[in-house]
Amino acid sequence: DVYKRQIMSYNIRHCAPYYGTSRTTVANVSGIAEVIREKQPDVALLQEVDSCTKRSLGINQIKELAGLTGYPYYYFFKQKEYSGGAYGAGMLSRYELKNITNHPLPKEIEGQEIKGSNVLGTAKITFNQKDICVAVTHLSVKGHERARQFPFILAELDKFSGIPVILGGDFNSKPDDAIIA
């Protein structure tokens, strides 16, 4: 089947440097790369990615992960400025990423302020001369904010009419949450 591909969604927790104990550890980008290499997805949709932050010792994690895993195409979707760099989501792909768009989620929806800084990233990929949209998101930890963010995301994804859409991300939701349904 032309669309039969492996897609991974993975919250990498900024490659998990740990603080607050007697010893500070550094970001373990190679450990995250090892997991991705082991699974060998065609596309990896990543959440909680640092780009050149102090917390992650200035490493551009998406670029570093692309190099360590052998993915020729990658993109960082900025969610917010953070710790001297940026924080957001990313994509690694074996296929060229086209029509890349970073959709910052609204700060206000239906008159309600959204305090979480979240993101939706989309790209088009061609498999065997057929287009498909891949999308990555990271939703708010607050349920009432997620409930307002998701219709915006669906409206953005509806713009890809006529082609399949695969959405992966950190929905900050349990399996019985309405967002998952």
C-alpha atoms as a PDB file:
ATOM      1  CA  ASP A   1       0.000   0.000   0.000  1.00  0.00           C
ATOM      2  CA  VAL A   2       1.339   3.407  -0.988  1.00  0.00           C
ATOM      3  CA  TYR A   3       0.503   4.883   2.430  1.00  0.00           C
ATOM      4  CA  LYS A   4       1.884   2.047   4.548  1.00  0.00           C
ATOM      5  CA  ARG A   5       4.648   3.819   6.436  1.00  0.00           C
ATOM      6  CA  GLN A   6       5.896   3.916  10.001  1.00  0.00           C
ATOM      7  CA  ILE A   7       5.238   7.119  11.895  1.00  0.00           C
ATOM      8  CA  MET A   8       6.537   7.644  15.429  1.00  0.00           C
ATOM      9  CA  SER A   9       5.284  10.222  17.916  1.00  0.00           C
ATOM     10  CA  TYR A  10       7.722  10.740  20.785  1.00  0.00           C
ATOM     11  CA  ASN A  11       7.851  13.256  23.634  1.00  0.00           C
ATOM     12  CA  ILE A  12      11.621  13.497  24.129  1.00  0.00           C
ATOM     13  CA  ARG A  13      11.416  15.778  27.212  1.00  0.00           C
ATOM     14  CA  HIS A  14      14.213  17.993  25.810  1.00  0.00           C
ATOM     15  CA  CYS A  15      16.468  14.907  26.002  1.00  0.00           C
ATOM     16  CA  ALA A  16      16.029  14.990  29.794  1.00  0.00           C
ATOM     17  CA  PRO A  17      18.817  16.815  31.546  1.00  0.00           C
ATOM     18  CA  TYR A  18      18.178  16.565  35.272  1.00  0.00           C
ATOM     19  CA  TYR A  19      18.640  19.325  37.844  1.00  0.00           C
ATOM     20  CA  GLY A  20      18.017  19.781  41.530  1.00  0.00           C
ATOM     21  CA  THR A  21      20.111  16.960  42.922  1.00  0.00           C
ATOM     22  CA  SER A  22      23.698  17.068  44.045  1.00  0.00           C
ATOM     23  CA  ARG A  23      24.730  16.407  40.447  1.00  0.00           C
ATOM     24  CA  THR A  24      23.551  18.000  37.195  1.00  0.00           C
ATOM     25  CA  THR A  25      23.420  15.764  34.152  1.00  0.00           C
ATOM     26  CA  VAL A  26      23.600  16.864  30.538  1.00  0.00           C
ATOM     27  CA  ALA A  27      21.043  16.307  27.814  1.00  0.00           C
ATOM     28  CA  ASN A  28      21.259  12.757  26.477  1.00  0.00           C
ATOM     29  CA  VAL A  29      20.626  13.353  22.782  1.00  0.00           C
ATOM     30  CA  SER A  30      22.376  10.102  21.839  1.00  0.00           C
ATOM     31  CA  GLY A  31      20.003   8.090  24.059  1.00  0.00           C
ATOM     32  CA  ILE A  32      16.977   9.561  22.279  1.00  0.00           C
ATOM     33  CA  ALA A  33      18.677   8.942  18.911  1.00  0.00           C
ATOM     34  CA  GLU A  34      19.227   5.302  19.868  1.00  0.00           C
ATOM     35  CA  VAL A  35      15.498   4.805  20.504  1.00  0.00           C
ATOM     36  CA  ILE A  36      14.616   6.392  17.156  1.00  0.00           C
ATOM     37  CA  ARG A  37      17.233   4.306  15.301  1.00  0.00           C
ATOM     38  CA  GLU A  38      15.904   1.149  16.939  1.00  0.00           C
ATOM     39  CA  LYS A  39      12.327   1.852  15.818  1.00  0.00           C
ATOM     40  CA  GLN A  40      13.345   3.107  12.327  1.00  0.00           C
ATOM     41  CA  PRO A  41      10.238   5.164  11.556  1.00  0.00           C
ATOM     42  CA  ASP A  42       9.914   6.869   8.198  1.00  0.00           C
ATOM     43  CA  VAL A  43       8.831  10.003  10.070  1.00  0.00           C
ATOM     44  CA  ALA A  44       9.352  10.902  13.734  1.00  0.00           C
ATOM     45  CA  LEU A  45       7.072  13.553  15.235  1.00  0.00           C
ATOM     46  CA  LEU A  46       8.828  14.907  18.326  1.00  0.00           C
ATOM     47  CA  GLN A  47       7.573  17.023  21.206  1.00  0.00           C
ATOM     48  CA  GLU A  48       9.429  18.997  23.904  1.00  0.00           C
ATOM     49  CA  VAL A  49      12.452  19.718  21.734  1.00  0.00           C
ATOM     50  CA  ASP A  50      15.065  22.297  22.775  1.00  0.00           C
ATOM     51  CA  SER A  51      16.837  24.433  20.218  1.00  0.00           C
ATOM     52  CA  CYS A  52      20.054  26.048  21.442  1.00  0.00           C
ATOM     53  CA  THR A  53      18.863  26.571  25.025  1.00  0.00           C
ATOM     54  CA  LYS A  54      21.121  26.993  28.028  1.00  0.00           C
ATOM     55  CA  ARG A  55      19.301  24.074  29.626  1.00  0.00           C
ATOM     56  CA  SER A  56      20.479  21.828  26.794  1.00  0.00           C
ATOM     57  CA  LEU A  57      23.968  23.329  26.577  1.00  0.00           C
ATOM     58  CA  GLY A  58      23.278  25.194  23.334  1.00  0.00           C
ATOM     59  CA  ILE A  59      22.540  22.058  21.305  1.00  0.00           C
ATOM     60  CA  ASN A  60      20.123  22.326  18.388  1.00  0.00           C
ATOM     61  CA  GLN A  61      18.472  19.036  19.313  1.00  0.00           C
ATOM     62  CA  ILE A  62      16.501  18.448  16.100  1.00  0.00           C
ATOM     63  CA  LYS A  63      19.601  18.997  13.969  1.00  0.00           C
ATOM     64  CA  GLU A  64      21.702  16.807  16.263  1.00  0.00           C
ATOM     65  CA  LEU A  65      19.070  14.055  16.246  1.00  0.00           C
ATOM     66  CA  ALA A  66      18.848  14.192  12.441  1.00  0.00           C
ATOM     67  CA  GLY A  67      22.606  13.704  12.209  1.00  0.00           C
ATOM     68  CA  LEU A  68      22.744  10.895  14.761  1.00  0.00           C
ATOM     69  CA  THR A  69      19.832   9.007  13.199  1.00  0.00           C
ATOM     70  CA  GLY A  70      20.584   9.587   9.516  1.00  0.00           C
ATOM     71  CA  TYR A  71      17.416  11.502   8.637  1.00  0.00           C
ATOM     72  CA  PRO A  72      18.126  13.858   5.745  1.00  0.00           C
ATOM     73  CA  TYR A  73      15.075  16.050   6.393  1.00  0.00           C
ATOM     74  CA  TYR A  74      14.165  17.724   9.645  1.00  0.00           C
ATOM     75  CA  TYR A  75      12.402  20.791  10.969  1.00  0.00           C
ATOM     76  CA  PHE A  76      11.981  22.557  14.309  1.00  0.00           C
ATOM     77  CA  PHE A  77       8.592  24.164  15.088  1.00  0.00           C
ATOM     78  CA  LYS A  78       9.129  26.952  17.594  1.00  0.00           C
ATOM     79  CA  GLN A  79       6.593  26.990  20.380  1.00  0.00           C
ATOM     80  CA  LYS A  80       8.228  29.702  22.490  1.00  0.00           C
ATOM     81  CA  GLU A  81      11.489  31.383  23.360  1.00  0.00           C
ATOM     82  CA  TYR A  82      13.135  29.623  26.257  1.00  0.00           C
ATOM     83  CA  SER A  83      16.392  29.739  28.213  1.00  0.00           C
ATOM     84  CA  GLY A  84      18.390  31.666  25.611  1.00  0.00           C
ATOM     85  CA  GLY A  85      17.029  29.581  22.714  1.00  0.00           C
ATOM     86  CA  ALA A  86      13.691  28.060  21.785  1.00  0.00           C
ATOM     87  CA  TYR A  87      11.409  25.212  22.805  1.00  0.00           C
ATOM     88  CA  GLY A  88       8.923  23.391  20.602  1.00  0.00           C
ATOM     89  CA  ALA A  89       8.272  20.371  18.431  1.00  0.00           C
ATOM     90  CA  GLY A  90      10.089  18.797  15.513  1.00  0.00           C
ATOM     91  CA  MET A  91      10.015  16.350  12.637  1.00  0.00           C
ATOM     92  CA  LEU A  92      12.593  13.942  11.310  1.00  0.00           C
ATOM     93  CA  SER A  93      11.863  12.409   7.916  1.00  0.00           C
ATOM     94  CA  ARG A  94      13.326  10.088   5.329  1.00  0.00           C
ATOM     95  CA  TYR A  95      11.246  12.004   2.768  1.00  0.00           C
ATOM     96  CA  GLU A  96      11.477  15.638   1.788  1.00  0.00           C
ATOM     97  CA  LEU A  97       9.351  17.933   3.944  1.00  0.00           C
ATOM     98  CA  LYS A  98       7.399  20.399   1.791  1.00  0.00           C
ATOM     99  CA  ASN A  99       4.935  23.186   2.549  1.00  0.00           C
ATOM    100  CA  ILE A 100       6.236  23.360   6.128  1.00  0.00           C
ATOM    101  CA  THR A 101       4.063  25.555   8.336  1.00  0.00           C
ATOM    102  CA  ASN A 102       4.382  26.481  11.984  1.00  0.00           C
ATOM    103  CA  HIS A 103       0.887  27.249  13.308  1.00  0.00           C
ATOM    104  CA  PRO A 104       1.214  28.906  16.735  1.00  0.00           C
ATOM    105  CA  LEU A 105      -1.947  28.039  18.614  1.00  0.00           C
ATOM    106  CA  PRO A 106      -4.094  31.052  19.502  1.00  0.00           C
ATOM    107  CA  LYS A 107      -3.553  32.923  22.779  1.00  0.00           C
ATOM    108  CA  GLU A 108      -7.284  33.558  22.985  1.00  0.00           C
ATOM    109  CA  ILE A 109     -10.156  31.383  21.801  1.00  0.00           C
ATOM    110  CA  GLU A 110     -13.832  32.301  22.174  1.00  0.00           C
ATOM    111  CA  GLY A 111     -12.884  35.163  24.494  1.00  0.00           C
ATOM    112  CA  GLN A 112     -10.938  32.870  26.825  1.00  0.00           C
ATOM    113  CA  GLU A 113      -7.214  33.446  27.400  1.00  0.00           C
ATOM    114  CA  ILE A 114      -4.993  30.445  26.661  1.00  0.00           C
ATOM    115  CA  LYS A 115      -1.978  30.616  28.980  1.00  0.00           C
ATOM    116  CA  GLY A 116      -0.101  27.582  27.627  1.00  0.00           C
ATOM    117  CA  SER A 117       2.226  28.263  24.706  1.00  0.00           C
ATOM    118  CA  ASN A 118       1.570  25.388  22.368  1.00  0.00           C
ATOM    119  CA  VAL A 119       2.158  24.630  18.711  1.00  0.00           C
ATOM    120  CA  LEU A 120       0.986  22.778  15.606  1.00  0.00           C
ATOM    121  CA  GLY A 121       3.506  21.990  12.872  1.00  0.00           C
ATOM    122  CA  THR A 122       2.554  20.594   9.469  1.00  0.00           C
ATOM    123  CA  ALA A 123       4.408  19.408   6.397  1.00  0.00           C
ATOM    124  CA  LYS A 124       3.562  17.603   3.203  1.00  0.00           C
ATOM    125  CA  ILE A 125       5.488  14.463   2.253  1.00  0.00           C
ATOM    126  CA  THR A 126       5.271  12.552  -1.008  1.00  0.00           C
ATOM    127  CA  PHE A 127       5.258   8.741  -0.883  1.00  0.00           C
ATOM    128  CA  ASN A 128       5.307   7.040  -4.289  1.00  0.00           C
ATOM    129  CA  GLN A 129       3.942  10.154  -6.017  1.00  0.00           C
ATOM    130  CA  LYS A 130       1.102  10.517  -3.486  1.00  0.00           C
ATOM    131  CA  ASP A 131       0.978  13.402  -0.996  1.00  0.00           C
ATOM    132  CA  ILE A 132       0.296  13.005   2.702  1.00  0.00           C
ATOM    133  CA  CYS A 133       0.225  15.604   5.488  1.00  0.00           C
ATOM    134  CA  VAL A 134       2.112  14.881   8.690  1.00  0.00           C
ATOM    135  CA  ALA A 135       1.406  17.064  11.697  1.00  0.00           C
ATOM    136  CA  VAL A 136       2.846  17.373  15.182  1.00  0.00           C
ATOM    137  CA  THR A 137       1.331  19.154  18.155  1.00  0.00           C
ATOM    138  CA  HIS A 138       1.747  19.691  21.865  1.00  0.00           C
ATOM    139  CA  LEU A 139      -1.415  20.713  23.668  1.00  0.00           C
ATOM    140  CA  SER A 140      -1.906  22.531  26.948  1.00  0.00           C
ATOM    141  CA  VAL A 141      -1.766  20.641  30.246  1.00  0.00           C
ATOM    142  CA  LYS A 142      -5.050  22.344  31.207  1.00  0.00           C
ATOM    143  CA  GLY A 143      -8.161  20.498  30.043  1.00  0.00           C
ATOM    144  CA  HIS A 144     -10.271  23.593  29.404  1.00  0.00           C
ATOM    145  CA  GLU A 145      -7.482  25.005  27.190  1.00  0.00           C
ATOM    146  CA  ARG A 146      -7.074  21.726  25.260  1.00  0.00           C
ATOM    147  CA  ALA A 147     -10.795  21.673  24.597  1.00  0.00           C
ATOM    148  CA  ARG A 148     -10.499  25.091  22.950  1.00  0.00           C
ATOM    149  CA  GLN A 149      -7.245  24.329  21.097  1.00  0.00           C
ATOM    150  CA  PHE A 150      -8.342  21.149  19.389  1.00  0.00           C
ATOM    151  CA  PRO A 151     -11.094  22.642  17.166  1.00  0.00           C
ATOM    152  CA  PHE A 152      -8.476  25.152  15.907  1.00  0.00           C
ATOM    153  CA  ILE A 153      -6.135  22.248  15.065  1.00  0.00           C
ATOM    154  CA  LEU A 154      -8.886  20.350  13.252  1.00  0.00           C
ATOM    155  CA  ALA A 155      -9.749  23.466  11.232  1.00  0.00           C
ATOM    156  CA  GLU A 156      -6.094  23.842  10.180  1.00  0.00           C
ATOM    157  CA  LEU A 157      -5.863  20.164   9.222  1.00  0.00           C
ATOM    158  CA  ASP A 158      -9.130  20.380   7.241  1.00  0.00           C
ATOM    159  CA  LYS A 159      -7.256  22.698   4.863  1.00  0.00           C
ATOM    160  CA  PHE A 160      -5.418  19.592   3.607  1.00  0.00           C
ATOM    161  CA  SER A 161      -8.596  18.348   1.931  1.00  0.00           C
ATOM    162  CA  GLY A 162      -8.090  15.543  -0.493  1.00  0.00           C
ATOM    163  CA  ILE A 163      -4.966  14.084   1.107  1.00  0.00           C
ATOM    164  CA  PRO A 164      -4.545  11.877   4.174  1.00  0.00           C
ATOM    165  CA  VAL A 165      -3.446  13.582   7.401  1.00  0.00           C
ATOM    166  CA  ILE A 166      -1.528  11.925  10.225  1.00  0.00           C
ATOM    167  CA  LEU A 167      -1.459  13.859  13.503  1.00  0.00           C
ATOM    168  CA  GLY A 168       0.837  12.877  16.348  1.00  0.00           C
ATOM    169  CA  GLY A 169       1.747  14.670  19.501  1.00  0.00           C
ATOM    170  CA  ASP A 170       1.509  15.136  23.203  1.00  0.00           C
ATOM    171  CA  PHE A 171      -2.188  15.675  23.790  1.00  0.00           C
ATOM    172  CA  ASN A 172      -1.755  15.798  27.595  1.00  0.00           C
ATOM    173  CA  SER A 173      -4.853  13.601  27.749  1.00  0.00           C
ATOM    174  CA  LYS A 174      -5.902  10.239  29.092  1.00  0.00           C
ATOM    175  CA  PRO A 175      -7.401   7.611  26.758  1.00  0.00           C
ATOM    176  CA  ASP A 176     -10.971   8.457  27.850  1.00  0.00           C
ATOM    177  CA  ASP A 177     -10.515  12.227  27.302  1.00  0.00           C
ATOM    178  CA  ALA A 178     -12.848  13.811  24.732  1.00  0.00           C
ATOM    179  CA  ILE A 179      -9.804  15.109  22.797  1.00  0.00           C
ATOM    180  CA  ILE A 180      -8.680  11.534  22.126  1.00  0.00           C
ATOM    181  CA  ALA A 181     -12.181  10.483  21.079  1.00  0.00           C
END
